[in-house]
Amino acid sequence: MIAVPRMTPLFAACIAAGLALSAGSGFAAGSDSTTPASQATYTEAKAAVDAGRYPEALKILAQVLKAEPRNADALNLMGYSNRKMNRFSEAARYYEAALKADPRHLGALEYQGELFIETGDFGKAKANRDRLSALCGSCEELTDLQAALTEAGQS
């Protein structure tokens, strides 16, 4: 019989922390479609988006999409960046592509819903809200989209 050493609470906590950190914290909400090969480039693009540097983010995301044309996370951020630059038709195209690649992509559903609000299509925004509700129950993406609807006077 082989003796197995007892796991200390500190060791168990370290393992849990390592697993949590490796779970894809750099990905857009609701998906993990970025492969390790393009993860660094995607992370760089996400940082540009978070800093509001949308033209720079678009250039970096184009590199990710060249390697992975169906990367729902990158497509979603392409939509987001275009929307923030008031390029609504481009944003719509990328959100549609993200949802074609991953119909359950929570982030794309939220952001597409916000695009619908910005363009006055409240019925479609509410449909996205309902899809989010069915997919996640009460996730951050649903909460954010509902807040945007409420702010627009469309509870």
N, C-alpha and C. Protein backbone atom coordinates (compact mmCIF):
# COMPACT_ATOMS: atom_id res chain seq x y z
N MET A 1 0.84 -1.17 0.00
CA MET A 1 0.00 0.00 0.00
C MET A 1 0.89 1.24 0.00
N ILE A 2 0.53 2.22 -0.84
CA ILE A 2 1.29 3.46 -0.94
C ILE A 2 0.64 4.50 -0.05
N ALA A 3 1.48 5.16 0.74
CA ALA A 3 0.99 6.23 1.61
C ALA A 3 0.86 7.51 0.80
N VAL A 4 -0.29 8.11 0.86
CA VAL A 4 -0.53 9.38 0.17
C VAL A 4 -0.48 10.48 1.21
N PRO A 5 0.39 11.49 0.99
CA PRO A 5 0.48 12.56 1.98
C PRO A 5 -0.83 13.34 2.05
N ARG A 6 -1.12 13.81 3.24
CA ARG A 6 -2.33 14.61 3.47
C ARG A 6 -2.14 16.00 2.89
N MET A 7 -3.17 16.51 2.19
CA MET A 7 -3.10 17.84 1.60
C MET A 7 -3.39 18.87 2.67
N THR A 8 -2.48 19.82 2.83
CA THR A 8 -2.68 20.87 3.82
C THR A 8 -3.67 21.90 3.27
N PRO A 9 -4.34 22.62 4.14
CA PRO A 9 -5.27 23.65 3.67
C PRO A 9 -4.60 24.71 2.79
N LEU A 10 -3.35 25.07 3.12
CA LEU A 10 -2.64 26.07 2.33
C LEU A 10 -2.37 25.53 0.92
N PHE A 11 -1.95 24.27 0.81
CA PHE A 11 -1.68 23.66 -0.48
C PHE A 11 -2.97 23.58 -1.31
N ALA A 12 -4.06 23.20 -0.67
CA ALA A 12 -5.34 23.12 -1.35
C ALA A 12 -5.78 24.50 -1.85
N ALA A 13 -5.55 25.53 -1.05
CA ALA A 13 -5.90 26.89 -1.46
C ALA A 13 -5.07 27.33 -2.66
N CYS A 14 -3.79 26.97 -2.67
CA CYS A 14 -2.91 27.32 -3.79
C CYS A 14 -3.38 26.63 -5.07
N ILE A 15 -3.77 25.38 -4.97
CA ILE A 15 -4.27 24.67 -6.14
C ILE A 15 -5.55 25.33 -6.65
N ALA A 16 -6.46 25.64 -5.73
CA ALA A 16 -7.72 26.28 -6.12
C ALA A 16 -7.47 27.63 -6.78
N ALA A 17 -6.54 28.41 -6.24
CA ALA A 17 -6.23 29.71 -6.82
C ALA A 17 -5.64 29.55 -8.22
N GLY A 18 -4.77 28.59 -8.38
CA GLY A 18 -4.17 28.33 -9.69
C GLY A 18 -5.22 27.93 -10.71
N LEU A 19 -6.14 27.09 -10.32
CA LEU A 19 -7.22 26.70 -11.23
C LEU A 19 -8.10 27.88 -11.59
N ALA A 20 -8.39 28.71 -10.62
CA ALA A 20 -9.24 29.88 -10.88
C ALA A 20 -8.54 30.84 -11.85
N LEU A 21 -7.25 31.05 -11.66
CA LEU A 21 -6.51 31.95 -12.54
C LEU A 21 -6.39 31.40 -13.95
N SER A 22 -6.36 30.09 -14.09
CA SER A 22 -6.22 29.51 -15.41
C SER A 22 -7.54 29.32 -16.12
N ALA A 23 -8.63 29.77 -15.52
CA ALA A 23 -9.96 29.54 -16.09
C ALA A 23 -10.35 30.54 -17.16
N GLY A 24 -9.41 31.38 -17.61
CA GLY A 24 -9.72 32.27 -18.72
C GLY A 24 -10.22 33.64 -18.31
N SER A 25 -9.60 34.23 -17.32
CA SER A 25 -10.09 35.51 -16.82
C SER A 25 -9.97 36.63 -17.84
N GLY A 26 -9.17 36.47 -18.89
CA GLY A 26 -9.02 37.52 -19.88
C GLY A 26 -10.05 37.48 -20.99
N PHE A 27 -10.98 36.55 -20.96
CA PHE A 27 -11.93 36.38 -22.04
C PHE A 27 -13.15 37.25 -21.87
N ALA A 28 -13.77 37.56 -22.98
CA ALA A 28 -15.03 38.29 -22.95
C ALA A 28 -16.07 37.46 -22.24
N ALA A 29 -17.02 38.12 -21.68
CA ALA A 29 -18.04 37.44 -20.90
C ALA A 29 -18.74 36.36 -21.70
N GLY A 30 -18.88 35.19 -21.08
CA GLY A 30 -19.72 34.16 -21.65
C GLY A 30 -19.06 33.21 -22.60
N SER A 31 -17.77 33.29 -22.81
CA SER A 31 -17.15 32.41 -23.77
C SER A 31 -15.68 32.21 -23.44
N ASP A 32 -15.11 31.19 -24.04
CA ASP A 32 -13.68 30.95 -23.89
C ASP A 32 -13.12 30.41 -25.20
N SER A 33 -13.41 31.10 -26.30
CA SER A 33 -13.04 30.60 -27.61
C SER A 33 -11.62 30.95 -28.03
N THR A 34 -10.91 31.74 -27.26
CA THR A 34 -9.56 32.13 -27.63
C THR A 34 -8.59 31.01 -27.32
N THR A 35 -7.79 30.62 -28.30
CA THR A 35 -6.81 29.56 -28.11
C THR A 35 -5.54 30.14 -27.48
N PRO A 36 -4.72 29.28 -26.88
CA PRO A 36 -3.48 29.78 -26.28
C PRO A 36 -2.59 30.51 -27.28
N ALA A 37 -2.62 30.11 -28.55
CA ALA A 37 -1.76 30.74 -29.56
C ALA A 37 -2.07 32.22 -29.74
N SER A 38 -3.33 32.59 -29.64
CA SER A 38 -3.68 34.00 -29.84
C SER A 38 -4.12 34.68 -28.55
N GLN A 39 -3.99 34.00 -27.43
CA GLN A 39 -4.45 34.57 -26.16
C GLN A 39 -3.72 35.86 -25.82
N ALA A 40 -2.41 35.90 -26.02
CA ALA A 40 -1.65 37.11 -25.70
C ALA A 40 -2.11 38.28 -26.56
N THR A 41 -2.33 38.02 -27.85
CA THR A 41 -2.80 39.08 -28.75
C THR A 41 -4.20 39.52 -28.35
N TYR A 42 -5.06 38.57 -28.02
CA TYR A 42 -6.42 38.90 -27.58
C TYR A 42 -6.37 39.73 -26.30
N THR A 43 -5.53 39.34 -25.37
CA THR A 43 -5.40 40.06 -24.10
C THR A 43 -4.94 41.49 -24.35
N GLU A 44 -4.03 41.68 -25.29
CA GLU A 44 -3.57 43.02 -25.67
C GLU A 44 -4.73 43.83 -26.26
N ALA A 45 -5.53 43.20 -27.10
CA ALA A 45 -6.69 43.88 -27.68
C ALA A 45 -7.70 44.24 -26.61
N LYS A 46 -7.95 43.34 -25.69
CA LYS A 46 -8.91 43.59 -24.60
C LYS A 46 -8.44 44.78 -23.76
N ALA A 47 -7.15 44.87 -23.51
CA ALA A 47 -6.61 46.00 -22.76
C ALA A 47 -6.83 47.31 -23.52
N ALA A 48 -6.66 47.28 -24.84
CA ALA A 48 -6.91 48.48 -25.64
C ALA A 48 -8.39 48.87 -25.59
N VAL A 49 -9.27 47.88 -25.65
CA VAL A 49 -10.71 48.17 -25.54
C VAL A 49 -11.02 48.77 -24.18
N ASP A 50 -10.52 48.15 -23.13
CA ASP A 50 -10.78 48.63 -21.77
C ASP A 50 -10.28 50.06 -21.57
N ALA A 51 -9.22 50.43 -22.30
CA ALA A 51 -8.67 51.78 -22.19
C ALA A 51 -9.33 52.77 -23.16
N GLY A 52 -10.29 52.28 -23.95
CA GLY A 52 -10.99 53.15 -24.88
C GLY A 52 -10.21 53.45 -26.15
N ARG A 53 -9.18 52.66 -26.42
CA ARG A 53 -8.37 52.84 -27.63
C ARG A 53 -8.93 51.93 -28.73
N TYR A 54 -10.11 52.26 -29.22
CA TYR A 54 -10.84 51.37 -30.12
C TYR A 54 -10.17 51.17 -31.48
N PRO A 55 -9.63 52.20 -32.13
CA PRO A 55 -8.95 51.95 -33.41
C PRO A 55 -7.77 50.99 -33.25
N GLU A 56 -7.03 51.15 -32.18
CA GLU A 56 -5.91 50.24 -31.91
C GLU A 56 -6.42 48.83 -31.66
N ALA A 57 -7.49 48.72 -30.89
CA ALA A 57 -8.07 47.40 -30.60
C ALA A 57 -8.51 46.71 -31.88
N LEU A 58 -9.12 47.46 -32.80
CA LEU A 58 -9.57 46.86 -34.06
C LEU A 58 -8.41 46.27 -34.85
N LYS A 59 -7.29 46.96 -34.87
CA LYS A 59 -6.11 46.45 -35.59
C LYS A 59 -5.60 45.16 -34.95
N ILE A 60 -5.55 45.14 -33.64
CA ILE A 60 -5.06 43.95 -32.93
C ILE A 60 -6.04 42.79 -33.10
N LEU A 61 -7.33 43.09 -32.97
CA LEU A 61 -8.34 42.04 -33.12
C LEU A 61 -8.34 41.45 -34.52
N ALA A 62 -8.01 42.26 -35.52
CA ALA A 62 -7.92 41.75 -36.90
C ALA A 62 -6.86 40.66 -36.99
N GLN A 63 -5.79 40.79 -36.21
CA GLN A 63 -4.74 39.76 -36.18
C GLN A 63 -5.29 38.46 -35.58
N VAL A 64 -6.06 38.59 -34.51
CA VAL A 64 -6.65 37.40 -33.88
C VAL A 64 -7.58 36.72 -34.87
N LEU A 65 -8.41 37.52 -35.55
CA LEU A 65 -9.39 36.95 -36.47
C LEU A 65 -8.74 36.36 -37.73
N LYS A 66 -7.58 36.86 -38.09
CA LYS A 66 -6.86 36.27 -39.22
C LYS A 66 -6.46 34.84 -38.88
N ALA A 67 -6.05 34.62 -37.64
CA ALA A 67 -5.66 33.28 -37.20
C ALA A 67 -6.88 32.42 -36.84
N GLU A 68 -7.93 33.06 -36.33
CA GLU A 68 -9.13 32.35 -35.86
C GLU A 68 -10.38 33.10 -36.30
N PRO A 69 -10.81 32.91 -37.54
CA PRO A 69 -11.93 33.69 -38.07
C PRO A 69 -13.25 33.51 -37.32
N ARG A 70 -13.42 32.42 -36.58
CA ARG A 70 -14.67 32.19 -35.85
C ARG A 70 -14.49 32.39 -34.35
N ASN A 71 -13.54 33.20 -33.96
CA ASN A 71 -13.30 33.48 -32.55
C ASN A 71 -14.39 34.43 -32.05
N ALA A 72 -15.36 33.88 -31.32
CA ALA A 72 -16.51 34.67 -30.88
C ALA A 72 -16.12 35.82 -29.96
N ASP A 73 -15.10 35.63 -29.15
CA ASP A 73 -14.66 36.69 -28.26
C ASP A 73 -14.11 37.88 -29.05
N ALA A 74 -13.26 37.59 -30.03
CA ALA A 74 -12.67 38.65 -30.85
C ALA A 74 -13.75 39.32 -31.70
N LEU A 75 -14.66 38.55 -32.27
CA LEU A 75 -15.75 39.12 -33.05
C LEU A 75 -16.61 40.04 -32.18
N ASN A 76 -16.88 39.62 -30.96
CA ASN A 76 -17.66 40.42 -30.02
C ASN A 76 -16.96 41.75 -29.74
N LEU A 77 -15.67 41.71 -29.49
CA LEU A 77 -14.94 42.95 -29.21
C LEU A 77 -14.82 43.83 -30.45
N MET A 78 -14.79 43.22 -31.64
CA MET A 78 -14.82 44.02 -32.87
C MET A 78 -16.14 44.77 -32.93
N GLY A 79 -17.22 44.09 -32.59
CA GLY A 79 -18.52 44.74 -32.57
C GLY A 79 -18.56 45.87 -31.55
N TYR A 80 -18.06 45.58 -30.36
CA TYR A 80 -18.06 46.57 -29.28
C TYR A 80 -17.26 47.81 -29.68
N SER A 81 -16.06 47.59 -30.21
CA SER A 81 -15.20 48.72 -30.59
C SER A 81 -15.84 49.56 -31.68
N ASN A 82 -16.42 48.89 -32.68
CA ASN A 82 -17.11 49.63 -33.73
C ASN A 82 -18.30 50.40 -33.19
N ARG A 83 -19.05 49.79 -32.27
CA ARG A 83 -20.20 50.48 -31.69
C ARG A 83 -19.77 51.72 -30.93
N LYS A 84 -18.68 51.61 -30.18
CA LYS A 84 -18.19 52.75 -29.41
C LYS A 84 -17.69 53.87 -30.33
N MET A 85 -17.37 53.52 -31.58
CA MET A 85 -16.94 54.51 -32.57
C MET A 85 -18.12 54.96 -33.43
N ASN A 86 -19.34 54.62 -33.00
CA ASN A 86 -20.58 54.98 -33.71
C ASN A 86 -20.64 54.40 -35.12
N ARG A 87 -20.01 53.28 -35.34
CA ARG A 87 -20.08 52.57 -36.62
C ARG A 87 -21.05 51.40 -36.42
N PHE A 88 -22.32 51.73 -36.38
CA PHE A 88 -23.34 50.78 -35.96
C PHE A 88 -23.53 49.62 -36.93
N SER A 89 -23.44 49.86 -38.24
CA SER A 89 -23.63 48.75 -39.18
C SER A 89 -22.48 47.75 -39.07
N GLU A 90 -21.26 48.26 -38.88
CA GLU A 90 -20.12 47.36 -38.68
C GLU A 90 -20.28 46.59 -37.37
N ALA A 91 -20.70 47.28 -36.33
CA ALA A 91 -20.91 46.63 -35.04
C ALA A 91 -21.93 45.50 -35.17
N ALA A 92 -23.03 45.79 -35.86
CA ALA A 92 -24.08 44.78 -36.04
C ALA A 92 -23.54 43.55 -36.76
N ARG A 93 -22.74 43.78 -37.77
CA ARG A 93 -22.16 42.67 -38.54
C ARG A 93 -21.29 41.78 -37.66
N TYR A 94 -20.47 42.39 -36.81
CA TYR A 94 -19.59 41.60 -35.95
C TYR A 94 -20.34 40.89 -34.83
N TYR A 95 -21.36 41.53 -34.27
CA TYR A 95 -22.16 40.84 -33.25
C TYR A 95 -22.87 39.63 -33.86
N GLU A 96 -23.40 39.79 -35.06
CA GLU A 96 -24.05 38.67 -35.73
C GLU A 96 -23.06 37.53 -35.97
N ALA A 97 -21.85 37.87 -36.39
CA ALA A 97 -20.83 36.85 -36.63
C ALA A 97 -20.44 36.15 -35.32
N ALA A 98 -20.33 36.92 -34.23
CA ALA A 98 -19.99 36.33 -32.93
C ALA A 98 -21.08 35.35 -32.51
N LEU A 99 -22.33 35.73 -32.71
CA LEU A 99 -23.44 34.86 -32.30
C LEU A 99 -23.62 33.69 -33.25
N LYS A 100 -23.17 33.82 -34.47
CA LYS A 100 -23.18 32.67 -35.39
C LYS A 100 -22.11 31.67 -34.94
N ALA A 101 -20.96 32.19 -34.52
CA ALA A 101 -19.88 31.32 -34.05
C ALA A 101 -20.24 30.67 -32.71
N ASP A 102 -20.94 31.42 -31.85
CA ASP A 102 -21.34 30.91 -30.53
C ASP A 102 -22.67 31.54 -30.15
N PRO A 103 -23.78 30.86 -30.47
CA PRO A 103 -25.10 31.43 -30.19
C PRO A 103 -25.38 31.69 -28.71
N ARG A 104 -24.57 31.13 -27.83
CA ARG A 104 -24.76 31.30 -26.40
C ARG A 104 -23.76 32.30 -25.79
N HIS A 105 -23.13 33.11 -26.63
CA HIS A 105 -22.11 34.06 -26.16
C HIS A 105 -22.80 35.19 -25.40
N LEU A 106 -22.69 35.17 -24.10
CA LEU A 106 -23.40 36.12 -23.26
C LEU A 106 -23.00 37.56 -23.53
N GLY A 107 -21.71 37.80 -23.69
CA GLY A 107 -21.23 39.16 -23.95
C GLY A 107 -21.78 39.71 -25.26
N ALA A 108 -21.79 38.90 -26.31
CA ALA A 108 -22.30 39.36 -27.60
C ALA A 108 -23.80 39.65 -27.51
N LEU A 109 -24.53 38.83 -26.77
CA LEU A 109 -25.96 39.08 -26.60
C LEU A 109 -26.21 40.39 -25.86
N GLU A 110 -25.42 40.64 -24.83
CA GLU A 110 -25.57 41.90 -24.10
C GLU A 110 -25.24 43.09 -24.99
N TYR A 111 -24.06 43.05 -25.61
CA TYR A 111 -23.61 44.20 -26.40
C TYR A 111 -24.49 44.43 -27.63
N GLN A 112 -24.95 43.34 -28.26
CA GLN A 112 -25.87 43.50 -29.38
C GLN A 112 -27.17 44.15 -28.89
N GLY A 113 -27.62 43.73 -27.71
CA GLY A 113 -28.82 44.35 -27.13
C GLY A 113 -28.61 45.83 -26.89
N GLU A 114 -27.43 46.22 -26.43
CA GLU A 114 -27.14 47.63 -26.22
C GLU A 114 -27.10 48.38 -27.54
N LEU A 115 -26.61 47.73 -28.59
CA LEU A 115 -26.64 48.34 -29.92
C LEU A 115 -28.09 48.56 -30.35
N PHE A 116 -28.95 47.58 -30.11
CA PHE A 116 -30.36 47.73 -30.45
C PHE A 116 -30.97 48.92 -29.71
N ILE A 117 -30.61 49.10 -28.46
CA ILE A 117 -31.12 50.24 -27.69
C ILE A 117 -30.64 51.54 -28.32
N GLU A 118 -29.36 51.61 -28.65
CA GLU A 118 -28.79 52.83 -29.23
C GLU A 118 -29.42 53.17 -30.57
N THR A 119 -29.89 52.16 -31.29
CA THR A 119 -30.49 52.40 -32.60
C THR A 119 -32.02 52.41 -32.53
N GLY A 120 -32.57 52.34 -31.31
CA GLY A 120 -34.01 52.46 -31.12
C GLY A 120 -34.83 51.21 -31.37
N ASP A 121 -34.17 50.06 -31.49
CA ASP A 121 -34.90 48.81 -31.73
C ASP A 121 -35.10 48.08 -30.40
N PHE A 122 -36.01 48.60 -29.61
CA PHE A 122 -36.20 48.09 -28.25
C PHE A 122 -36.77 46.67 -28.23
N GLY A 123 -37.55 46.32 -29.23
CA GLY A 123 -38.09 44.96 -29.30
C GLY A 123 -36.98 43.93 -29.40
N LYS A 124 -36.00 44.19 -30.25
CA LYS A 124 -34.86 43.27 -30.38
C LYS A 124 -34.00 43.28 -29.12
N ALA A 125 -33.85 44.44 -28.50
CA ALA A 125 -33.08 44.52 -27.26
C ALA A 125 -33.74 43.66 -26.18
N LYS A 126 -35.05 43.73 -26.10
CA LYS A 126 -35.79 42.93 -25.11
C LYS A 126 -35.69 41.44 -25.45
N ALA A 127 -35.67 41.11 -26.74
CA ALA A 127 -35.50 39.71 -27.14
C ALA A 127 -34.13 39.19 -26.68
N ASN A 128 -33.09 40.03 -26.80
CA ASN A 128 -31.77 39.63 -26.30
C ASN A 128 -31.79 39.47 -24.79
N ARG A 129 -32.49 40.38 -24.11
CA ARG A 129 -32.63 40.26 -22.66
C ARG A 129 -33.28 38.92 -22.29
N ASP A 130 -34.32 38.56 -23.02
CA ASP A 130 -35.01 37.31 -22.74
C ASP A 130 -34.13 36.09 -23.02
N ARG A 131 -33.33 36.17 -24.07
CA ARG A 131 -32.38 35.07 -24.37
C ARG A 131 -31.35 34.95 -23.26
N LEU A 132 -30.84 36.08 -22.80
CA LEU A 132 -29.88 36.05 -21.69
C LEU A 132 -30.52 35.45 -20.45
N SER A 133 -31.73 35.83 -20.16
CA SER A 133 -32.42 35.30 -18.99
C SER A 133 -32.55 33.78 -19.08
N ALA A 134 -32.88 33.29 -20.27
CA ALA A 134 -33.02 31.84 -20.46
C ALA A 134 -31.67 31.13 -20.35
N LEU A 135 -30.61 31.79 -20.80
CA LEU A 135 -29.29 31.15 -20.79
C LEU A 135 -28.61 31.18 -19.43
N CYS A 136 -28.75 32.29 -18.72
CA CYS A 136 -27.92 32.43 -17.51
C CYS A 136 -28.71 32.72 -16.24
N GLY A 137 -29.98 32.96 -16.35
CA GLY A 137 -30.75 33.22 -15.14
C GLY A 137 -30.59 34.64 -14.64
N SER A 138 -29.48 34.93 -14.02
CA SER A 138 -29.23 36.28 -13.49
C SER A 138 -27.74 36.59 -13.52
N CYS A 139 -27.18 36.65 -14.71
CA CYS A 139 -25.75 36.94 -14.86
C CYS A 139 -25.52 38.45 -15.03
N GLU A 140 -24.28 38.84 -15.00
CA GLU A 140 -23.91 40.25 -15.13
C GLU A 140 -24.37 40.83 -16.46
N GLU A 141 -24.27 40.05 -17.53
CA GLU A 141 -24.67 40.53 -18.85
C GLU A 141 -26.17 40.86 -18.88
N LEU A 142 -26.97 40.01 -18.26
CA LEU A 142 -28.40 40.26 -18.17
C LEU A 142 -28.68 41.51 -17.34
N THR A 143 -28.03 41.62 -16.21
CA THR A 143 -28.21 42.78 -15.34
C THR A 143 -27.85 44.08 -16.07
N ASP A 144 -26.74 44.06 -16.80
CA ASP A 144 -26.29 45.25 -17.52
C ASP A 144 -27.26 45.63 -18.64
N LEU A 145 -27.74 44.63 -19.40
CA LEU A 145 -28.67 44.93 -20.48
C LEU A 145 -30.00 45.43 -19.92
N GLN A 146 -30.46 44.84 -18.83
CA GLN A 146 -31.70 45.30 -18.21
C GLN A 146 -31.54 46.73 -17.72
N ALA A 147 -30.39 47.05 -17.15
CA ALA A 147 -30.14 48.42 -16.69
C ALA A 147 -30.16 49.40 -17.86
N ALA A 148 -29.59 49.00 -19.00
CA ALA A 148 -29.60 49.88 -20.18
C ALA A 148 -31.03 50.07 -20.69
N LEU A 149 -31.82 49.01 -20.67
CA LEU A 149 -33.23 49.13 -21.07
C LEU A 149 -33.99 50.06 -20.12
N THR A 150 -33.77 49.89 -18.83
CA THR A 150 -34.43 50.73 -17.84
C THR A 150 -34.05 52.19 -18.04
N GLU A 151 -32.75 52.44 -18.25
CA GLU A 151 -32.27 53.81 -18.46
C GLU A 151 -32.91 54.43 -19.70
N ALA A 152 -33.19 53.59 -20.70
CA ALA A 152 -33.82 54.08 -21.93
C ALA A 152 -35.35 54.17 -21.79
N GLY A 153 -35.87 53.87 -20.59
CA GLY A 153 -37.31 53.92 -20.35
C GLY A 153 -38.06 52.75 -20.93
N GLN A 154 -37.37 51.61 -21.05
CA GLN A 154 -37.93 50.43 -21.70
C GLN A 154 -37.83 49.19 -20.81
N SER A 155 -38.36 49.24 -19.63
CA SER A 155 -38.29 48.09 -18.72
C SER A 155 -38.96 46.92 -19.35
